[in-house]
Protein backbone atom coordinates (compact mmCIF):
# COMPACT_ATOMS: atom_id res chain seq x y z
CA MET A 1 67.60 138.58 -53.21
CA ALA A 2 69.70 136.40 -50.99
CA LYS A 3 72.25 139.13 -50.90
CA ARG A 4 69.62 141.66 -49.91
CA LYS A 5 68.44 139.44 -47.11
CA THR A 6 72.02 139.04 -45.97
CA ALA A 7 72.49 142.76 -46.21
CA ALA A 8 69.24 143.30 -44.33
CA SER A 9 70.17 140.72 -41.74
CA SER A 10 73.65 142.18 -41.53
CA ASP A 11 72.06 145.60 -41.00
CA ASN A 12 70.17 144.08 -38.09
CA GLU A 13 73.32 142.42 -36.82
CA ASP A 14 75.57 145.44 -37.37
CA PRO A 15 74.29 147.37 -34.36
CA SER A 16 74.78 144.33 -32.12
CA ASP A 17 78.07 143.45 -33.85
CA ALA A 18 79.16 147.06 -33.71
CA SER A 19 78.67 147.10 -29.95
CA VAL A 20 80.45 143.76 -29.58
CA GLN A 21 83.34 144.27 -32.00
CA PRO A 22 84.42 147.80 -31.01
CA SER A 23 84.23 146.95 -27.31
CA PRO A 24 87.20 144.52 -27.20
CA PRO A 25 89.63 146.64 -29.25
CA PRO A 26 88.90 149.83 -27.27
CA SER A 27 89.23 147.89 -24.03
CA LYS A 28 92.64 146.70 -25.15
CA LYS A 29 93.56 150.17 -26.30
CA THR A 30 92.14 151.75 -23.19
CA ALA A 31 94.15 149.31 -21.12
CA LYS A 32 97.29 150.56 -22.85
CA LYS A 33 96.29 154.20 -23.01
CA PRO A 34 95.64 154.67 -19.28
CA LYS A 35 99.10 153.30 -18.57
CA VAL A 36 100.57 155.79 -21.00
CA SER A 37 98.39 158.58 -19.66
CA ASN A 38 99.28 157.56 -16.09
CA VAL A 39 102.95 157.59 -16.97
CA GLN A 40 102.52 160.97 -18.60
CA GLY A 41 100.52 162.18 -15.62
CA ASP A 42 103.11 160.77 -13.24
CA SER A 43 106.01 162.19 -15.21
CA ASP A 44 104.36 165.62 -15.34
CA GLY A 45 103.30 165.75 -11.70
CA ASP A 46 105.52 163.20 -9.99
CA SER A 47 108.75 163.49 -11.96
CA GLU A 48 110.64 163.65 -8.67
CA GLU A 49 109.38 160.20 -7.67
CA GLU A 50 110.29 158.64 -11.01
CA LYS A 51 113.88 159.91 -11.03
CA PRO A 52 114.94 158.18 -7.77
CA ILE A 53 113.66 154.87 -9.16
CA LYS A 54 116.11 155.10 -12.03
CA LYS A 55 119.71 154.45 -11.15
CA PRO A 56 121.77 157.61 -11.40
CA LYS A 57 124.48 157.61 -14.00
CA SER A 58 127.76 157.85 -12.20
CA LYS A 59 131.17 156.35 -12.52
CA ALA A 60 130.54 152.69 -11.91
CA LYS A 61 133.93 151.76 -10.63
CA SER A 62 136.81 152.99 -8.61
CA THR A 63 140.22 151.41 -8.62
CA LYS A 64 142.61 150.34 -5.96
CA THR A 65 146.00 148.85 -6.67
CA THR A 66 147.52 146.10 -4.63
CA ASN A 67 150.87 144.43 -4.98
CA SER A 68 151.00 140.73 -5.69
CA ASP A 69 153.68 138.24 -6.67
CA ARG A 70 153.02 138.81 -10.38
CA GLY A 71 153.09 142.61 -10.27
CA ASP A 72 150.47 145.25 -9.75
CA VAL A 73 146.89 144.03 -9.88
CA ALA A 74 144.11 146.59 -9.97
CA ILE A 75 141.07 145.78 -7.86
CA HIS A 76 137.96 147.56 -9.08
CA ILE A 77 134.59 148.03 -7.41
CA ASN A 78 131.42 147.93 -9.52
CA SER A 79 128.20 149.87 -8.94
CA GLU A 80 126.81 147.02 -6.80
CA GLY A 81 129.78 147.21 -4.45
CA ASP A 82 131.37 143.93 -5.58
CA SER A 83 135.16 143.79 -5.98
CA TYR A 84 136.53 142.48 -9.25
CA VAL A 85 139.74 142.05 -11.20
CA ASP A 86 139.82 143.13 -14.83
CA LEU A 87 140.97 140.26 -17.06
CA GLY A 88 141.06 142.35 -20.26
CA LYS A 89 138.73 142.52 -23.27
CA LYS A 90 135.73 143.25 -21.04
CA LYS A 91 136.21 140.11 -18.94
CA ARG A 92 136.12 140.20 -15.14
CA ALA A 93 136.69 137.91 -12.20
CA THR A 94 134.35 138.97 -9.40
CA VAL A 95 133.96 137.58 -5.89
CA ARG A 96 130.35 137.88 -4.78
CA SER A 97 127.93 136.28 -2.38
CA PHE A 98 124.88 134.41 -3.66
CA LYS A 99 122.43 132.92 -1.14
CA GLY A 100 125.04 133.36 1.56
CA LYS A 101 127.74 131.45 -0.31
CA PRO A 102 130.80 133.11 -1.85
CA LEU A 103 131.27 132.57 -5.58
CA VAL A 104 134.04 133.40 -8.02
CA ASP A 105 132.24 134.79 -11.05
CA ILE A 106 134.24 134.93 -14.28
CA ARG A 107 132.12 136.75 -16.83
CA GLU A 108 132.19 138.72 -20.07
CA PHE A 109 130.60 142.19 -20.10
CA TYR A 110 129.20 144.33 -22.89
CA GLY A 111 128.39 148.01 -23.28
CA ASP A 112 130.27 151.29 -22.96
CA GLU A 113 132.67 152.11 -20.17
CA GLY A 114 130.68 152.81 -17.01
CA GLN A 115 127.54 151.31 -18.56
CA GLU A 116 128.79 147.73 -18.79
CA LYS A 117 126.30 144.92 -18.25
CA PRO A 118 127.00 141.23 -17.67
CA GLY A 119 126.71 139.01 -20.73
CA LYS A 120 125.58 135.43 -21.07
CA LYS A 121 129.10 134.08 -21.28
CA GLY A 122 130.44 133.32 -17.86
CA ILE A 123 130.75 130.86 -15.03
CA SER A 124 130.39 130.97 -11.25
CA LEU A 125 132.65 128.73 -9.21
CA THR A 126 131.96 127.61 -5.66
CA ASP A 127 134.74 127.56 -3.06
CA GLU A 128 135.44 123.86 -3.71
CA GLN A 129 135.55 124.36 -7.48
CA TRP A 130 137.84 127.37 -7.10
CA GLU A 131 140.24 125.39 -4.87
CA MET A 132 140.29 122.55 -7.42
CA LEU A 133 141.04 125.03 -10.21
CA LYS A 134 143.91 126.53 -8.20
CA LYS A 135 145.35 123.05 -7.52
CA SER A 136 145.09 122.27 -11.23
CA MET A 137 146.87 125.46 -12.28
CA PRO A 138 150.35 123.92 -12.89
CA ILE A 139 148.81 121.21 -15.07
CA ILE A 140 146.71 123.75 -16.96
CA ASP A 141 149.81 125.92 -17.48
CA ARG A 142 151.73 122.94 -18.87
CA LEU A 143 148.85 122.00 -21.20
CA PHE A 144 148.56 125.62 -22.29
CA ARG A 145 152.28 125.78 -23.16
CA GLU A 146 152.00 122.53 -25.14
CA GLN A 147 149.05 123.93 -27.10
CA THR A 148 150.90 127.12 -28.02
CA LYS A 149 153.94 125.26 -29.41
């Protein structure tokens, strides 16, 4: 009999529970579904507006060659308009401005040619740090030669 009372009480609670329980899941689903339906509605009616938001796929870099003391160095320009030097194996040295200060950004990239994105591995050097690195170059070269022997 206890089970029947529970069943009877659950029958009484089911209508109230049914209105309470289905409300949160549909509200969550409805929150997701309108976004999907809006996107579908926008893509059907406003596909022209959505396409300009996406970056067009084009060749991301152009090359210029300049002569230096060590031979020909190719200066490339990325899609953002920053100049960089290719260091090989998808590594680049880029000079860019961040918060009004110039930085030398040495970074590893990943992805296909033209679709390359910056990876986590990299460092940005301020002007002072870059000057210190250039002054240290003969010492670094000597240490590098000693390591390779």
